[in-house]
């Protein structure tokens, strides 16, 4: 039969890795004004916009 425990464990870790929720999300920002924009718009205007990661509510480091 082979090592049944390792194959179950491998499948379990694959499922956990796929379903793991990130603690931040991408957001676009205008580099000149600082206003938030969509990621799609920021990617299409790389000279004036950047895409950055922002923590989800409750995940930031401010107290």
PDB file of N, CA and C in Angstrom:
ATOM      1  N   UNK A   1       0.814  -1.204   0.000  1.00  0.00           N
ATOM      2  CA  UNK A   1       0.000   0.000   0.000  1.00  0.00           C
ATOM      3  C   UNK A   1       0.854   1.263   0.000  1.00  0.00           C
ATOM      4  N   UNK A   2       1.949   1.252   0.693  1.00  0.00           N
ATOM      5  CA  UNK A   2       2.779   2.450   0.717  1.00  0.00           C
ATOM      6  C   UNK A   2       2.477   3.312   1.935  1.00  0.00           C
ATOM      7  N   UNK A   3       3.212   4.399   2.080  1.00  0.00           N
ATOM      8  CA  UNK A   3       3.026   5.289   3.236  1.00  0.00           C
ATOM      9  C   UNK A   3       1.743   6.107   3.118  1.00  0.00           C
ATOM     10  N   UNK A   4       0.691   5.641   3.723  1.00  0.00           N
ATOM     11  CA  UNK A   4      -0.609   6.292   3.627  1.00  0.00           C
ATOM     12  C   UNK A   4      -0.642   7.604   4.412  1.00  0.00           C
ATOM     13  N   UNK A   5       0.064   7.656   5.542  1.00  0.00           N
ATOM     14  CA  UNK A   5       0.033   8.866   6.360  1.00  0.00           C
ATOM     15  C   UNK A   5       0.688  10.050   5.661  1.00  0.00           C
ATOM     16  N   UNK A   6       1.797   9.820   4.982  1.00  0.00           N
ATOM     17  CA  UNK A   6       2.456  10.956   4.332  1.00  0.00           C
ATOM     18  C   UNK A   6       1.615  11.502   3.181  1.00  0.00           C
ATOM     19  N   UNK A   7       0.940  10.629   2.429  1.00  0.00           N
ATOM     20  CA  UNK A   7       0.127  11.152   1.330  1.00  0.00           C
ATOM     21  C   UNK A   7      -1.060  11.943   1.855  1.00  0.00           C
ATOM     22  N   UNK A   8      -1.667  11.484   2.945  1.00  0.00           N
ATOM     23  CA  UNK A   8      -2.765  12.270   3.547  1.00  0.00           C
ATOM     24  C   UNK A   8      -2.247  13.600   4.049  1.00  0.00           C
ATOM     25  N   UNK A   9      -1.076  13.581   4.692  1.00  0.00           N
ATOM     26  CA  UNK A   9      -0.494  14.813   5.209  1.00  0.00           C
ATOM     27  C   UNK A   9      -0.160  15.767   4.076  1.00  0.00           C
ATOM     28  N   UNK A  10       0.399  15.251   2.987  1.00  0.00           N
ATOM     29  CA  UNK A  10       0.725  16.096   1.838  1.00  0.00           C
ATOM     30  C   UNK A  10      -0.525  16.741   1.260  1.00  0.00           C
ATOM     31  N   UNK A  11      -1.588  15.962   1.127  1.00  0.00           N
ATOM     32  CA  UNK A  11      -2.836  16.530   0.603  1.00  0.00           C
ATOM     33  C   UNK A  11      -3.400  17.581   1.549  1.00  0.00           C
ATOM     34  N   UNK A  12      -3.284  17.344   2.838  1.00  0.00           N
ATOM     35  CA  UNK A  12      -3.792  18.303   3.825  1.00  0.00           C
ATOM     36  C   UNK A  12      -3.021  19.607   3.750  1.00  0.00           C
ATOM     37  N   UNK A  13      -1.697  19.544   3.637  1.00  0.00           N
ATOM     38  CA  UNK A  13      -0.918  20.779   3.553  1.00  0.00           C
ATOM     39  C   UNK A  13      -1.201  21.515   2.254  1.00  0.00           C
ATOM     40  N   UNK A  14      -1.467  20.800   1.160  1.00  0.00           N
ATOM     41  CA  UNK A  14      -1.824  21.464  -0.093  1.00  0.00           C
ATOM     42  C   UNK A  14      -3.136  22.209   0.048  1.00  0.00           C
ATOM     43  N   UNK A  15      -4.111  21.612   0.705  1.00  0.00           N
ATOM     44  CA  UNK A  15      -5.412  22.258   0.899  1.00  0.00           C
ATOM     45  C   UNK A  15      -5.259  23.485   1.780  1.00  0.00           C
ATOM     46  N   UNK A  16      -4.475  23.387   2.834  1.00  0.00           N
ATOM     47  CA  UNK A  16      -4.262  24.527   3.723  1.00  0.00           C
ATOM     48  C   UNK A  16      -3.561  25.652   2.984  1.00  0.00           C
ATOM     49  N   UNK A  17      -2.565  25.339   2.170  1.00  0.00           N
ATOM     50  CA  UNK A  17      -1.827  26.365   1.433  1.00  0.00           C
ATOM     51  C   UNK A  17      -2.718  27.070   0.420  1.00  0.00           C
ATOM     52  N   UNK A  18      -3.626  26.352  -0.203  1.00  0.00           N
ATOM     53  CA  UNK A  18      -4.500  26.950  -1.204  1.00  0.00           C
ATOM     54  C   UNK A  18      -5.564  27.817  -0.555  1.00  0.00           C
ATOM     55  N   UNK A  19      -6.087  27.409   0.580  1.00  0.00           N
ATOM     56  CA  UNK A  19      -7.188  28.132   1.201  1.00  0.00           C
ATOM     57  C   UNK A  19      -6.727  29.169   2.225  1.00  0.00           C
ATOM     58  N   UNK A  20      -5.441  29.333   2.416  1.00  0.00           N
ATOM     59  CA  UNK A  20      -4.944  30.291   3.404  1.00  0.00           C
ATOM     60  C   UNK A  20      -5.302  31.709   2.976  1.00  0.00           C
ATOM     61  N   UNK A  21      -5.859  32.471   3.883  1.00  0.00           N
ATOM     62  CA  UNK A  21      -6.276  33.836   3.591  1.00  0.00           C
ATOM     63  C   UNK A  21      -5.115  34.783   3.855  1.00  0.00           C
ATOM     64  N   UNK A  22      -4.912  35.733   2.962  1.00  0.00           N
ATOM     65  CA  UNK A  22      -3.831  36.691   3.157  1.00  0.00           C
ATOM     66  C   UNK A  22      -4.250  37.748   4.171  1.00  0.00           C
ATOM     67  N   UNK A  23      -3.275  38.391   4.781  1.00  0.00           N
ATOM     68  CA  UNK A  23      -3.554  39.411   5.778  1.00  0.00           C
ATOM     69  C   UNK A  23      -3.513  40.816   5.186  1.00  0.00           C
ATOM     70  N   UNK A  24      -3.261  40.895   3.877  1.00  0.00           N
ATOM     71  CA  UNK A  24      -3.232  42.192   3.218  1.00  0.00           C
ATOM     72  C   UNK A  24      -3.789  42.039   1.803  1.00  0.00           C
ATOM     73  N   UNK A  25      -4.030  43.166   1.159  1.00  0.00           N
ATOM     74  CA  UNK A  25      -4.581  43.147  -0.196  1.00  0.00           C
ATOM     75  C   UNK A  25      -3.896  44.238  -1.016  1.00  0.00           C
ATOM     76  N   UNK A  26      -3.823  44.054  -2.341  1.00  0.00           N
ATOM     77  CA  UNK A  26      -3.183  45.069  -3.178  1.00  0.00           C
ATOM     78  C   UNK A  26      -4.114  46.260  -3.398  1.00  0.00           C
ATOM     79  N   UNK A  27      -3.501  47.430  -3.482  1.00  0.00           N
ATOM     80  CA  UNK A  27      -4.254  48.659  -3.729  1.00  0.00           C
ATOM     81  C   UNK A  27      -3.350  49.596  -4.533  1.00  0.00           C
ATOM     82  N   UNK A  28      -3.936  50.361  -5.436  1.00  0.00           N
ATOM     83  CA  UNK A  28      -3.166  51.325  -6.206  1.00  0.00           C
ATOM     84  C   UNK A  28      -3.118  52.667  -5.494  1.00  0.00           C
ATOM     85  N   UNK A  29      -2.031  53.395  -5.705  1.00  0.00           N
ATOM     86  CA  UNK A  29      -1.888  54.716  -5.082  1.00  0.00           C
ATOM     87  C   UNK A  29      -1.230  55.665  -6.077  1.00  0.00           C
ATOM     88  N   UNK A  30      -1.757  56.877  -6.151  1.00  0.00           N
ATOM     89  CA  UNK A  30      -1.153  57.917  -6.970  1.00  0.00           C
ATOM     90  C   UNK A  30       0.105  58.384  -6.248  1.00  0.00           C
ATOM     91  N   UNK A  31       1.247  58.342  -6.919  1.00  0.00           N
ATOM     92  CA  UNK A  31       2.516  58.686  -6.285  1.00  0.00           C
ATOM     93  C   UNK A  31       2.652  60.182  -6.009  1.00  0.00           C
ATOM     94  N   UNK A  32       1.912  60.996  -6.738  1.00  0.00           N
ATOM     95  CA  UNK A  32       2.012  62.442  -6.541  1.00  0.00           C
ATOM     96  C   UNK A  32       1.093  62.931  -5.432  1.00  0.00           C
ATOM     97  N   UNK A  33      -0.169  62.490  -5.447  1.00  0.00           N
ATOM     98  CA  UNK A  33      -1.150  63.000  -4.488  1.00  0.00           C
ATOM     99  C   UNK A  33      -1.366  62.078  -3.296  1.00  0.00           C
ATOM    100  N   UNK A  34      -1.083  60.786  -3.454  1.00  0.00           N
ATOM    101  CA  UNK A  34      -1.308  59.829  -2.385  1.00  0.00           C
ATOM    102  C   UNK A  34      -2.709  59.251  -2.372  1.00  0.00           C
ATOM    103  N   UNK A  35      -3.548  59.663  -3.319  1.00  0.00           N
ATOM    104  CA  UNK A  35      -4.915  59.140  -3.365  1.00  0.00           C
ATOM    105  C   UNK A  35      -4.916  57.686  -3.807  1.00  0.00           C
ATOM    106  N   UNK A  36      -5.861  56.917  -3.292  1.00  0.00           N
ATOM    107  CA  UNK A  36      -5.984  55.516  -3.660  1.00  0.00           C
ATOM    108  C   UNK A  36      -6.694  55.367  -5.000  1.00  0.00           C
ATOM    109  N   UNK A  37      -6.240  54.400  -5.792  1.00  0.00           N
ATOM    110  CA  UNK A  37      -6.848  54.102  -7.074  1.00  0.00           C
ATOM    111  C   UNK A  37      -7.001  52.585  -7.194  1.00  0.00           C
ATOM    112  N   UNK A  38      -7.551  52.145  -8.309  1.00  0.00           N
ATOM    113  CA  UNK A  38      -7.668  50.711  -8.531  1.00  0.00           C
ATOM    114  C   UNK A  38      -6.310  50.154  -8.954  1.00  0.00           C
ATOM    115  N   UNK A  39      -6.119  48.869  -8.729  1.00  0.00           N
ATOM    116  CA  UNK A  39      -4.869  48.207  -9.102  1.00  0.00           C
ATOM    117  C   UNK A  39      -4.705  48.230 -10.620  1.00  0.00           C
ATOM    118  N   UNK A  40      -5.786  48.002 -11.329  1.00  0.00           N
ATOM    119  CA  UNK A  40      -5.733  47.980 -12.794  1.00  0.00           C
ATOM    120  C   UNK A  40      -5.276  49.334 -13.342  1.00  0.00           C
ATOM    121  N   UNK A  41      -5.806  50.424 -12.788  1.00  0.00           N
ATOM    122  CA  UNK A  41      -5.421  51.761 -13.240  1.00  0.00           C
ATOM    123  C   UNK A  41      -3.958  52.042 -12.896  1.00  0.00           C
ATOM    124  N   UNK A  42      -3.532  51.636 -11.693  1.00  0.00           N
ATOM    125  CA  UNK A  42      -2.146  51.871 -11.276  1.00  0.00           C
ATOM    126  C   UNK A  42      -1.167  51.086 -12.143  1.00  0.00           C
ATOM    127  N   UNK A  43      -1.527  49.872 -12.533  1.00  0.00           N
ATOM    128  CA  UNK A  43      -0.645  49.075 -13.377  1.00  0.00           C
ATOM    129  C   UNK A  43      -0.545  49.644 -14.789  1.00  0.00           C
ATOM    130  N   UNK A  44      -1.610  50.283 -15.241  1.00  0.00           N
ATOM    131  CA  UNK A  44      -1.578  50.845 -16.588  1.00  0.00           C
ATOM    132  C   UNK A  44      -0.936  52.236 -16.629  1.00  0.00           C
ATOM    133  N   UNK A  45      -0.665  52.846 -15.468  1.00  0.00           N
ATOM    134  CA  UNK A  45      -0.009  54.156 -15.392  1.00  0.00           C
ATOM    135  C   UNK A  45       1.193  54.072 -14.437  1.00  0.00           C
ATOM    136  N   UNK A  46       2.250  53.328 -14.813  1.00  0.00           N
ATOM    137  CA  UNK A  46       3.360  53.107 -13.883  1.00  0.00           C
ATOM    138  C   UNK A  46       4.219  54.336 -13.589  1.00  0.00           C
ATOM    139  N   UNK A  47       4.137  55.359 -14.413  1.00  0.00           N
ATOM    140  CA  UNK A  47       4.947  56.558 -14.161  1.00  0.00           C
ATOM    141  C   UNK A  47       4.406  57.376 -12.996  1.00  0.00           C
ATOM    142  N   UNK A  48       3.101  57.345 -12.773  1.00  0.00           N
ATOM    143  CA  UNK A  48       2.506  58.192 -11.737  1.00  0.00           C
ATOM    144  C   UNK A  48       1.821  57.407 -10.630  1.00  0.00           C
ATOM    145  N   UNK A  49       1.749  56.075 -10.743  1.00  0.00           N
ATOM    146  CA  UNK A  49       1.046  55.265  -9.750  1.00  0.00           C
ATOM    147  C   UNK A  49       1.892  54.078  -9.321  1.00  0.00           C
ATOM    148  N   UNK A  50       1.622  53.585  -8.119  1.00  0.00           N
ATOM    149  CA  UNK A  50       2.291  52.393  -7.604  1.00  0.00           C
ATOM    150  C   UNK A  50       1.233  51.447  -7.052  1.00  0.00           C
ATOM    151  N   UNK A  51       1.549  50.161  -7.050  1.00  0.00           N
ATOM    152  CA  UNK A  51       0.682  49.158  -6.434  1.00  0.00           C
ATOM    153  C   UNK A  51       1.360  48.729  -5.152  1.00  0.00           C
ATOM    154  N   UNK A  52       0.650  48.821  -4.049  1.00  0.00           N
ATOM    155  CA  UNK A  52       1.217  48.440  -2.755  1.00  0.00           C
ATOM    156  C   UNK A  52       0.257  47.515  -2.033  1.00  0.00           C
ATOM    157  N   UNK A  53       0.728  46.914  -0.946  1.00  0.00           N
ATOM    158  CA  UNK A  53      -0.102  46.011  -0.146  1.00  0.00           C
ATOM    159  C   UNK A  53      -0.557  46.761   1.100  1.00  0.00           C
ATOM    160  N   UNK A  54      -1.841  46.650   1.402  1.00  0.00           N
ATOM    161  CA  UNK A  54      -2.412  47.317   2.567  1.00  0.00           C
ATOM    162  C   UNK A  54      -2.996  46.254   3.491  1.00  0.00           C
ATOM    163  N   UNK A  55      -2.732  46.332   4.800  1.00  0.00           N
ATOM    164  CA  UNK A  55      -3.291  45.324   5.711  1.00  0.00           C
ATOM    165  C   UNK A  55      -4.809  45.426   5.801  1.00  0.00           C
ATOM    166  N   UNK A  56      -5.428  44.271   5.976  1.00  0.00           N
ATOM    167  CA  UNK A  56      -6.874  44.253   6.137  1.00  0.00           C
ATOM    168  C   UNK A  56      -7.220  44.875   7.491  1.00  0.00           C
ATOM    169  N   UNK A  57      -8.453  45.351   7.665  1.00  0.00           N
ATOM    170  CA  UNK A  57      -8.836  45.967   8.940  1.00  0.00           C
ATOM    171  C   UNK A  57      -8.582  45.020  10.105  1.00  0.00           C
ATOM    172  N   UNK A  58      -7.949  45.568  11.148  1.00  0.00           N
ATOM    173  CA  UNK A  58      -7.631  44.776  12.327  1.00  0.00           C
ATOM    174  C   UNK A  58      -6.286  44.081  12.240  1.00  0.00           C
ATOM    175  N   UNK A  59      -5.585  44.201  11.116  1.00  0.00           N
ATOM    176  CA  UNK A  59      -4.289  43.532  10.933  1.00  0.00           C
ATOM    177  C   UNK A  59      -3.130  44.497  10.936  1.00  0.00           C
ATOM    178  N   UNK A  60      -3.379  45.780  11.036  1.00  0.00           N
ATOM    179  CA  UNK A  60      -2.306  46.764  11.025  1.00  0.00           C
ATOM    180  C   UNK A  60      -1.511  46.761  12.311  1.00  0.00           C
ATOM    181  N   UNK A  61      -0.395  47.467  12.325  1.00  0.00           N
ATOM    182  CA  UNK A  61       0.447  47.465  13.515  1.00  0.00           C
ATOM    183  C   UNK A  61       0.212  48.693  14.399  1.00  0.00           C
ATOM    184  N   UNK A  62      -0.716  49.582  14.024  1.00  0.00           N
ATOM    185  CA  UNK A  62      -1.002  50.738  14.868  1.00  0.00           C
ATOM    186  C   UNK A  62      -1.895  50.318  16.046  1.00  0.00           C
ATOM    187  N   UNK A  63      -1.739  51.028  17.155  1.00  0.00           N
ATOM    188  CA  UNK A  63      -2.496  50.641  18.361  1.00  0.00           C
ATOM    189  C   UNK A  63      -3.623  51.584  18.660  1.00  0.00           C
TER     190      UNK A  63
END
